[in-house]
Amino acid sequence: METTGILTEKEINDSVIPQRVSVLRQLKKNLLRQRERLVEYLDILEHETEDIYRGDLEKLTAHVDMERAVIHEIQTFTRVIDPLEKLYRAEYPDREEEIPALRSSLSGLTEHILLRNRANRDLLKKEMARIETSLSQLRIPSRRKDMFNLQEASTLIDIST
Protein backbone atom coordinates (compact mmCIF):
# COMPACT_ATOMS: atom_id res chain seq x y z
CA MET A 1 0.00 0.00 0.00
CA GLU A 2 1.53 3.23 -1.17
CA THR A 3 1.01 6.50 0.72
CA THR A 4 0.73 9.76 -1.16
CA GLY A 5 1.14 12.02 1.84
CA ILE A 6 -2.55 12.91 1.76
CA LEU A 7 -4.61 11.58 4.65
CA THR A 8 -7.81 9.76 3.90
CA GLU A 9 -11.07 10.82 5.53
CA LYS A 10 -10.97 7.77 7.83
CA GLU A 11 -7.43 8.61 8.96
CA ILE A 12 -8.45 12.20 9.65
CA ASN A 13 -11.51 11.08 11.61
CA ASP A 14 -9.41 8.55 13.56
CA SER A 15 -7.02 11.29 14.66
CA VAL A 16 -9.57 14.07 15.19
CA ILE A 17 -12.14 12.15 17.22
CA PRO A 18 -9.83 11.49 20.21
CA GLN A 19 -8.94 15.21 20.24
CA ARG A 20 -12.61 16.18 20.23
CA VAL A 21 -13.37 13.73 23.02
CA SER A 22 -10.45 15.09 25.04
CA VAL A 23 -11.64 18.69 24.61
CA LEU A 24 -15.16 17.69 25.60
CA ARG A 25 -13.96 15.82 28.71
CA GLN A 26 -11.75 18.70 29.81
CA LEU A 27 -14.56 21.19 29.32
CA LYS A 28 -17.04 19.07 31.29
CA LYS A 29 -14.52 18.49 34.08
CA ASN A 30 -13.78 22.19 34.42
CA LEU A 31 -17.43 23.21 34.24
CA LEU A 32 -18.26 20.72 37.00
CA ARG A 33 -15.40 22.04 39.14
CA GLN A 34 -16.60 25.57 38.61
CA ARG A 35 -20.11 24.55 39.65
CA GLU A 36 -18.68 23.01 42.85
CA ARG A 37 -16.86 26.26 43.60
CA LEU A 38 -19.99 28.31 42.95
CA VAL A 39 -21.97 26.11 45.36
CA GLU A 40 -19.16 26.53 47.93
CA TYR A 41 -19.26 30.30 47.38
CA LEU A 42 -23.02 30.35 47.92
CA ASP A 43 -22.56 28.41 51.17
CA ILE A 44 -19.95 30.94 52.33
CA LEU A 45 -22.36 33.80 51.56
CA GLU A 46 -25.05 32.14 53.67
CA HIS A 47 -22.60 31.84 56.58
CA GLU A 48 -21.67 35.51 56.12
CA THR A 49 -25.35 36.44 56.45
CA GLU A 50 -25.54 34.58 59.77
CA ASP A 51 -22.31 36.25 60.93
CA ILE A 52 -23.69 39.70 60.12
CA TYR A 53 -26.91 39.03 62.06
CA ARG A 54 -24.95 37.75 65.06
CA GLY A 55 -22.37 40.53 64.84
CA ASP A 56 -19.55 37.96 64.85
CA LEU A 57 -16.75 39.98 63.31
CA GLU A 58 -14.09 37.26 63.58
CA LYS A 59 -16.15 34.66 61.73
CA LEU A 60 -17.26 37.25 59.18
CA THR A 61 -13.62 38.13 58.49
CA ALA A 62 -12.73 34.43 58.11
CA HIS A 63 -15.62 33.89 55.70
CA VAL A 64 -14.63 36.94 53.66
CA ASP A 65 -11.10 35.54 53.35
CA MET A 66 -12.51 32.17 52.23
CA GLU A 67 -14.74 34.03 49.78
CA ARG A 68 -11.72 35.73 48.21
CA ALA A 69 -9.96 32.38 47.74
CA VAL A 70 -13.03 30.81 46.11
CA ILE A 71 -13.49 33.81 43.81
CA HIS A 72 -9.87 33.47 42.72
CA GLU A 73 -10.45 29.77 41.92
CA ILE A 74 -13.60 30.60 39.96
CA GLN A 75 -11.70 33.19 37.93
CA THR A 76 -8.97 30.63 37.23
CA PHE A 77 -11.53 28.09 36.02
CA THR A 78 -13.09 30.74 33.80
CA ARG A 79 -9.71 31.40 32.17
CA VAL A 80 -9.41 27.68 31.42
CA ILE A 81 -13.03 27.15 30.39
CA ASP A 82 -13.33 29.98 27.87
CA PRO A 83 -10.70 28.66 25.39
CA LEU A 84 -11.99 25.09 25.82
CA GLU A 85 -15.50 26.26 25.11
CA LYS A 86 -14.35 27.99 21.92
CA LEU A 87 -12.71 24.76 20.79
CA TYR A 88 -15.86 22.84 21.72
CA ARG A 89 -18.10 25.17 19.72
CA ALA A 90 -15.83 24.89 16.71
CA GLU A 91 -15.88 21.09 16.84
CA TYR A 92 -19.48 20.51 18.03
CA PRO A 93 -21.64 23.32 16.70
CA ASP A 94 -24.90 21.68 17.85
CA ARG A 95 -24.24 18.04 18.64
CA GLU A 96 -23.65 17.98 22.38
CA GLU A 97 -26.47 18.91 24.75
CA GLU A 98 -24.79 18.33 28.09
CA ILE A 99 -22.46 21.35 27.95
CA PRO A 100 -25.19 23.95 27.33
CA ALA A 101 -27.15 22.43 30.23
CA LEU A 102 -24.09 22.76 32.50
CA ARG A 103 -23.54 26.31 31.28
CA SER A 104 -27.17 27.16 32.04
CA SER A 105 -26.84 25.66 35.52
CA LEU A 106 -23.75 27.78 36.15
CA SER A 107 -25.56 30.90 34.98
CA GLY A 108 -28.40 30.21 37.40
CA LEU A 109 -25.98 29.70 40.29
CA THR A 110 -24.13 32.88 39.36
CA GLU A 111 -27.38 34.88 39.39
CA HIS A 112 -28.30 33.44 42.80
CA ILE A 113 -24.84 34.32 44.12
CA LEU A 114 -25.10 37.89 42.84
CA LEU A 115 -28.46 38.32 44.58
CA ARG A 116 -27.15 36.84 47.84
CA ASN A 117 -24.02 38.99 47.66
CA ARG A 118 -26.10 42.13 47.10
CA ALA A 119 -28.37 41.21 50.04
CA ASN A 120 -25.33 40.69 52.28
CA ARG A 121 -23.86 44.02 51.21
CA ASP A 122 -27.15 45.80 52.00
CA LEU A 123 -27.44 44.02 55.34
CA LEU A 124 -23.88 44.97 56.22
CA LYS A 125 -24.52 48.62 55.28
CA LYS A 126 -27.60 48.68 57.54
CA GLU A 127 -25.65 47.12 60.39
CA MET A 128 -22.84 49.66 59.95
CA ALA A 129 -25.35 52.52 59.92
CA ARG A 130 -26.94 51.16 63.11
CA ILE A 131 -23.53 50.99 64.81
CA GLU A 132 -22.64 54.51 63.64
CA THR A 133 -25.94 55.79 65.04
CA SER A 134 -25.27 54.05 68.36
CA LEU A 135 -21.80 55.55 68.53
CA SER A 136 -23.04 59.05 67.71
CA GLN A 137 -25.62 58.82 70.50
CA LEU A 138 -23.02 58.05 73.11
CA ARG A 139 -22.34 61.09 75.21
CA ILE A 140 -18.77 61.39 76.36
CA PRO A 141 -18.52 63.78 79.31
CA SER A 142 -16.27 66.69 78.62
CA ARG A 143 -13.37 67.40 80.90
CA ARG A 144 -13.58 71.14 80.64
CA LYS A 145 -12.36 73.02 83.65
CA ASP A 146 -14.68 75.55 85.13
CA MET A 147 -14.79 77.20 88.52
CA PHE A 148 -17.00 74.47 89.99
CA ASN A 149 -14.93 71.67 88.60
CA LEU A 150 -11.51 72.90 89.71
CA GLN A 151 -11.32 70.82 92.85
CA GLU A 152 -11.20 67.10 92.57
CA ALA A 153 -13.28 65.08 94.97
CA SER A 154 -11.23 63.47 97.71
CA THR A 155 -10.74 59.78 97.38
CA LEU A 156 -9.29 59.06 100.83
CA ILE A 157 -11.23 59.24 104.06
CA ASP A 158 -9.51 59.92 107.36
CA ILE A 159 -10.90 57.51 109.98
CA SER A 160 -8.32 58.18 112.68
CA THR A 161 -10.42 60.65 114.70
C-alpha atoms as a PDB file:
ATOM      1  CA  MET A   1       0.000   0.000   0.000  1.00  0.00           C
ATOM      2  CA  GLU A   2       1.529   3.226  -1.171  1.00  0.00           C
ATOM      3  CA  THR A   3       1.009   6.502   0.718  1.00  0.00           C
ATOM      4  CA  THR A   4       0.734   9.756  -1.155  1.00  0.00           C
ATOM      5  CA  GLY A   5       1.136  12.022   1.838  1.00  0.00           C
ATOM      6  CA  ILE A   6      -2.545  12.907   1.760  1.00  0.00           C
ATOM      7  CA  LEU A   7      -4.610  11.581   4.646  1.00  0.00           C
ATOM      8  CA  THR A   8      -7.808   9.758   3.903  1.00  0.00           C
ATOM      9  CA  GLU A   9     -11.072  10.819   5.528  1.00  0.00           C
ATOM     10  CA  LYS A  10     -10.972   7.772   7.826  1.00  0.00           C
ATOM     11  CA  GLU A  11      -7.426   8.614   8.959  1.00  0.00           C
ATOM     12  CA  ILE A  12      -8.448  12.197   9.647  1.00  0.00           C
ATOM     13  CA  ASN A  13     -11.513  11.075  11.612  1.00  0.00           C
ATOM     14  CA  ASP A  14      -9.413   8.546  13.563  1.00  0.00           C
ATOM     15  CA  SER A  15      -7.016  11.294  14.656  1.00  0.00           C
ATOM     16  CA  VAL A  16      -9.572  14.069  15.192  1.00  0.00           C
ATOM     17  CA  ILE A  17     -12.144  12.149  17.218  1.00  0.00           C
ATOM     18  CA  PRO A  18      -9.835  11.492  20.210  1.00  0.00           C
ATOM     19  CA  GLN A  19      -8.940  15.206  20.235  1.00  0.00           C
ATOM     20  CA  ARG A  20     -12.607  16.181  20.229  1.00  0.00           C
ATOM     21  CA  VAL A  21     -13.373  13.732  23.021  1.00  0.00           C
ATOM     22  CA  SER A  22     -10.449  15.090  25.037  1.00  0.00           C
ATOM     23  CA  VAL A  23     -11.641  18.691  24.611  1.00  0.00           C
ATOM     24  CA  LEU A  24     -15.161  17.692  25.596  1.00  0.00           C
ATOM     25  CA  ARG A  25     -13.957  15.824  28.705  1.00  0.00           C
ATOM     26  CA  GLN A  26     -11.751  18.704  29.812  1.00  0.00           C
ATOM     27  CA  LEU A  27     -14.555  21.192  29.318  1.00  0.00           C
ATOM     28  CA  LYS A  28     -17.036  19.071  31.286  1.00  0.00           C
ATOM     29  CA  LYS A  29     -14.522  18.491  34.076  1.00  0.00           C
ATOM     30  CA  ASN A  30     -13.776  22.193  34.425  1.00  0.00           C
ATOM     31  CA  LEU A  31     -17.434  23.209  34.243  1.00  0.00           C
ATOM     32  CA  LEU A  32     -18.258  20.715  37.004  1.00  0.00           C
ATOM     33  CA  ARG A  33     -15.395  22.037  39.139  1.00  0.00           C
ATOM     34  CA  GLN A  34     -16.602  25.571  38.606  1.00  0.00           C
ATOM     35  CA  ARG A  35     -20.110  24.549  39.650  1.00  0.00           C
ATOM     36  CA  GLU A  36     -18.675  23.009  42.849  1.00  0.00           C
ATOM     37  CA  ARG A  37     -16.861  26.262  43.597  1.00  0.00           C
ATOM     38  CA  LEU A  38     -19.995  28.313  42.954  1.00  0.00           C
ATOM     39  CA  VAL A  39     -21.967  26.108  45.365  1.00  0.00           C
ATOM     40  CA  GLU A  40     -19.159  26.526  47.926  1.00  0.00           C
ATOM     41  CA  TYR A  41     -19.263  30.299  47.383  1.00  0.00           C
ATOM     42  CA  LEU A  42     -23.021  30.345  47.920  1.00  0.00           C
ATOM     43  CA  ASP A  43     -22.562  28.414  51.172  1.00  0.00           C
ATOM     44  CA  ILE A  44     -19.955  30.944  52.334  1.00  0.00           C
ATOM     45  CA  LEU A  45     -22.356  33.802  51.557  1.00  0.00           C
ATOM     46  CA  GLU A  46     -25.046  32.136  53.673  1.00  0.00           C
ATOM     47  CA  HIS A  47     -22.597  31.839  56.584  1.00  0.00           C
ATOM     48  CA  GLU A  48     -21.675  35.508  56.117  1.00  0.00           C
ATOM     49  CA  THR A  49     -25.353  36.438  56.453  1.00  0.00           C
ATOM     50  CA  GLU A  50     -25.538  34.579  59.768  1.00  0.00           C
ATOM     51  CA  ASP A  51     -22.309  36.253  60.932  1.00  0.00           C
ATOM     52  CA  ILE A  52     -23.695  39.700  60.119  1.00  0.00           C
ATOM     53  CA  TYR A  53     -26.911  39.034  62.058  1.00  0.00           C
ATOM     54  CA  ARG A  54     -24.948  37.749  65.058  1.00  0.00           C
ATOM     55  CA  GLY A  55     -22.372  40.530  64.839  1.00  0.00           C
ATOM     56  CA  ASP A  56     -19.550  37.956  64.852  1.00  0.00           C
ATOM     57  CA  LEU A  57     -16.749  39.984  63.306  1.00  0.00           C
ATOM     58  CA  GLU A  58     -14.092  37.262  63.584  1.00  0.00           C
ATOM     59  CA  LYS A  59     -16.150  34.665  61.728  1.00  0.00           C
ATOM     60  CA  LEU A  60     -17.256  37.245  59.179  1.00  0.00           C
ATOM     61  CA  THR A  61     -13.624  38.126  58.488  1.00  0.00           C
ATOM     62  CA  ALA A  62     -12.730  34.429  58.105  1.00  0.00           C
ATOM     63  CA  HIS A  63     -15.624  33.890  55.699  1.00  0.00           C
ATOM     64  CA  VAL A  64     -14.626  36.941  53.657  1.00  0.00           C
ATOM     65  CA  ASP A  65     -11.095  35.536  53.354  1.00  0.00           C
ATOM     66  CA  MET A  66     -12.513  32.174  52.231  1.00  0.00           C
ATOM     67  CA  GLU A  67     -14.744  34.029  49.776  1.00  0.00           C
ATOM     68  CA  ARG A  68     -11.720  35.727  48.206  1.00  0.00           C
ATOM     69  CA  ALA A  69      -9.964  32.378  47.736  1.00  0.00           C
ATOM     70  CA  VAL A  70     -13.032  30.808  46.109  1.00  0.00           C
ATOM     71  CA  ILE A  71     -13.494  33.814  43.813  1.00  0.00           C
ATOM     72  CA  HIS A  72      -9.865  33.467  42.724  1.00  0.00           C
ATOM     73  CA  GLU A  73     -10.446  29.767  41.923  1.00  0.00           C
ATOM     74  CA  ILE A  74     -13.601  30.604  39.961  1.00  0.00           C
ATOM     75  CA  GLN A  75     -11.695  33.187  37.929  1.00  0.00           C
ATOM     76  CA  THR A  76      -8.966  30.628  37.228  1.00  0.00           C
ATOM     77  CA  PHE A  77     -11.533  28.091  36.022  1.00  0.00           C
ATOM     78  CA  THR A  78     -13.092  30.737  33.798  1.00  0.00           C
ATOM     79  CA  ARG A  79      -9.711  31.403  32.166  1.00  0.00           C
ATOM     80  CA  VAL A  80      -9.407  27.679  31.421  1.00  0.00           C
ATOM     81  CA  ILE A  81     -13.030  27.146  30.390  1.00  0.00           C
ATOM     82  CA  ASP A  82     -13.330  29.984  27.871  1.00  0.00           C
ATOM     83  CA  PRO A  83     -10.703  28.657  25.393  1.00  0.00           C
ATOM     84  CA  LEU A  84     -11.993  25.093  25.822  1.00  0.00           C
ATOM     85  CA  GLU A  85     -15.503  26.264  25.112  1.00  0.00           C
ATOM     86  CA  LYS A  86     -14.350  27.986  21.922  1.00  0.00           C
ATOM     87  CA  LEU A  87     -12.708  24.765  20.794  1.00  0.00           C
ATOM     88  CA  TYR A  88     -15.855  22.842  21.718  1.00  0.00           C
ATOM     89  CA  ARG A  89     -18.104  25.171  19.718  1.00  0.00           C
ATOM     90  CA  ALA A  90     -15.828  24.891  16.706  1.00  0.00           C
ATOM     91  CA  GLU A  91     -15.881  21.088  16.840  1.00  0.00           C
ATOM     92  CA  TYR A  92     -19.476  20.514  18.030  1.00  0.00           C
ATOM     93  CA  PRO A  93     -21.637  23.316  16.700  1.00  0.00           C
ATOM     94  CA  ASP A  94     -24.896  21.682  17.850  1.00  0.00           C
ATOM     95  CA  ARG A  95     -24.240  18.038  18.641  1.00  0.00           C
ATOM     96  CA  GLU A  96     -23.654  17.981  22.383  1.00  0.00           C
ATOM     97  CA  GLU A  97     -26.470  18.910  24.753  1.00  0.00           C
ATOM     98  CA  GLU A  98     -24.790  18.334  28.091  1.00  0.00           C
ATOM     99  CA  ILE A  99     -22.456  21.349  27.948  1.00  0.00           C
ATOM    100  CA  PRO A 100     -25.192  23.949  27.332  1.00  0.00           C
ATOM    101  CA  ALA A 101     -27.149  22.435  30.230  1.00  0.00           C
ATOM    102  CA  LEU A 102     -24.094  22.756  32.500  1.00  0.00           C
ATOM    103  CA  ARG A 103     -23.544  26.310  31.283  1.00  0.00           C
ATOM    104  CA  SER A 104     -27.173  27.160  32.040  1.00  0.00           C
ATOM    105  CA  SER A 105     -26.845  25.662  35.517  1.00  0.00           C
ATOM    106  CA  LEU A 106     -23.747  27.778  36.148  1.00  0.00           C
ATOM    107  CA  SER A 107     -25.555  30.903  34.980  1.00  0.00           C
ATOM    108  CA  GLY A 108     -28.400  30.214  37.404  1.00  0.00           C
ATOM    109  CA  LEU A 109     -25.977  29.705  40.286  1.00  0.00           C
ATOM    110  CA  THR A 110     -24.132  32.879  39.364  1.00  0.00           C
ATOM    111  CA  GLU A 111     -27.380  34.882  39.392  1.00  0.00           C
ATOM    112  CA  HIS A 112     -28.302  33.438  42.796  1.00  0.00           C
ATOM    113  CA  ILE A 113     -24.839  34.321  44.115  1.00  0.00           C
ATOM    114  CA  LEU A 114     -25.102  37.891  42.845  1.00  0.00           C
ATOM    115  CA  LEU A 115     -28.465  38.318  44.578  1.00  0.00           C
ATOM    116  CA  ARG A 116     -27.147  36.844  47.840  1.00  0.00           C
ATOM    117  CA  ASN A 117     -24.022  38.987  47.655  1.00  0.00           C
ATOM    118  CA  ARG A 118     -26.098  42.133  47.097  1.00  0.00           C
ATOM    119  CA  ALA A 119     -28.367  41.205  50.043  1.00  0.00           C
ATOM    120  CA  ASN A 120     -25.326  40.687  52.283  1.00  0.00           C
ATOM    121  CA  ARG A 121     -23.860  44.023  51.215  1.00  0.00           C
ATOM    122  CA  ASP A 122     -27.152  45.798  51.996  1.00  0.00           C
ATOM    123  CA  LEU A 123     -27.436  44.020  55.344  1.00  0.00           C
ATOM    124  CA  LEU A 124     -23.877  44.970  56.219  1.00  0.00           C
ATOM    125  CA  LYS A 125     -24.518  48.616  55.284  1.00  0.00           C
ATOM    126  CA  LYS A 126     -27.604  48.677  57.540  1.00  0.00           C
ATOM    127  CA  GLU A 127     -25.652  47.121  60.388  1.00  0.00           C
ATOM    128  CA  MET A 128     -22.838  49.664  59.954  1.00  0.00           C
ATOM    129  CA  ALA A 129     -25.352  52.520  59.918  1.00  0.00           C
ATOM    130  CA  ARG A 130     -26.936  51.157  63.111  1.00  0.00           C
ATOM    131  CA  ILE A 131     -23.532  50.991  64.808  1.00  0.00           C
ATOM    132  CA  GLU A 132     -22.641  54.508  63.642  1.00  0.00           C
ATOM    133  CA  THR A 133     -25.942  55.789  65.044  1.00  0.00           C
ATOM    134  CA  SER A 134     -25.274  54.052  68.363  1.00  0.00           C
ATOM    135  CA  LEU A 135     -21.803  55.553  68.526  1.00  0.00           C
ATOM    136  CA  SER A 136     -23.041  59.048  67.712  1.00  0.00           C
ATOM    137  CA  GLN A 137     -25.619  58.817  70.502  1.00  0.00           C
ATOM    138  CA  LEU A 138     -23.018  58.053  73.113  1.00  0.00           C
ATOM    139  CA  ARG A 139     -22.340  61.091  75.214  1.00  0.00           C
ATOM    140  CA  ILE A 140     -18.774  61.390  76.359  1.00  0.00           C
ATOM    141  CA  PRO A 141     -18.517  63.782  79.310  1.00  0.00           C
ATOM    142  CA  SER A 142     -16.275  66.689  78.620  1.00  0.00           C
ATOM    143  CA  ARG A 143     -13.367  67.397  80.903  1.00  0.00           C
ATOM    144  CA  ARG A 144     -13.581  71.144  80.639  1.00  0.00           C
ATOM    145  CA  LYS A 145     -12.362  73.020  83.655  1.00  0.00           C
ATOM    146  CA  ASP A 146     -14.681  75.553  85.128  1.00  0.00           C
ATOM    147  CA  MET A 147     -14.792  77.196  88.523  1.00  0.00           C
ATOM    148  CA  PHE A 148     -17.002  74.468  89.986  1.00  0.00           C
ATOM    149  CA  ASN A 149     -14.934  71.665  88.599  1.00  0.00           C
ATOM    150  CA  LEU A 150     -11.507  72.901  89.713  1.00  0.00           C
ATOM    151  CA  GLN A 151     -11.319  70.823  92.849  1.00  0.00           C
ATOM    152  CA  GLU A 152     -11.202  67.105  92.573  1.00  0.00           C
ATOM    153  CA  ALA A 153     -13.282  65.078  94.973  1.00  0.00           C
ATOM    154  CA  SER A 154     -11.228  63.467  97.708  1.00  0.00           C
ATOM    155  CA  THR A 155     -10.735  59.781  97.383  1.00  0.00           C
ATOM    156  CA  LEU A 156      -9.289  59.064 100.828  1.00  0.00           C
ATOM    157  CA  ILE A 157     -11.225  59.244 104.064  1.00  0.00           C
ATOM    158  CA  ASP A 158      -9.513  59.920 107.359  1.00  0.00           C
ATOM    159  CA  ILE A 159     -10.900  57.512 109.984  1.00  0.00           C
ATOM    160  CA  SER A 160      -8.318  58.185 112.675  1.00  0.00           C
ATOM    161  CA  THR A 161     -10.425  60.645 114.698  1.00  0.00           C
END
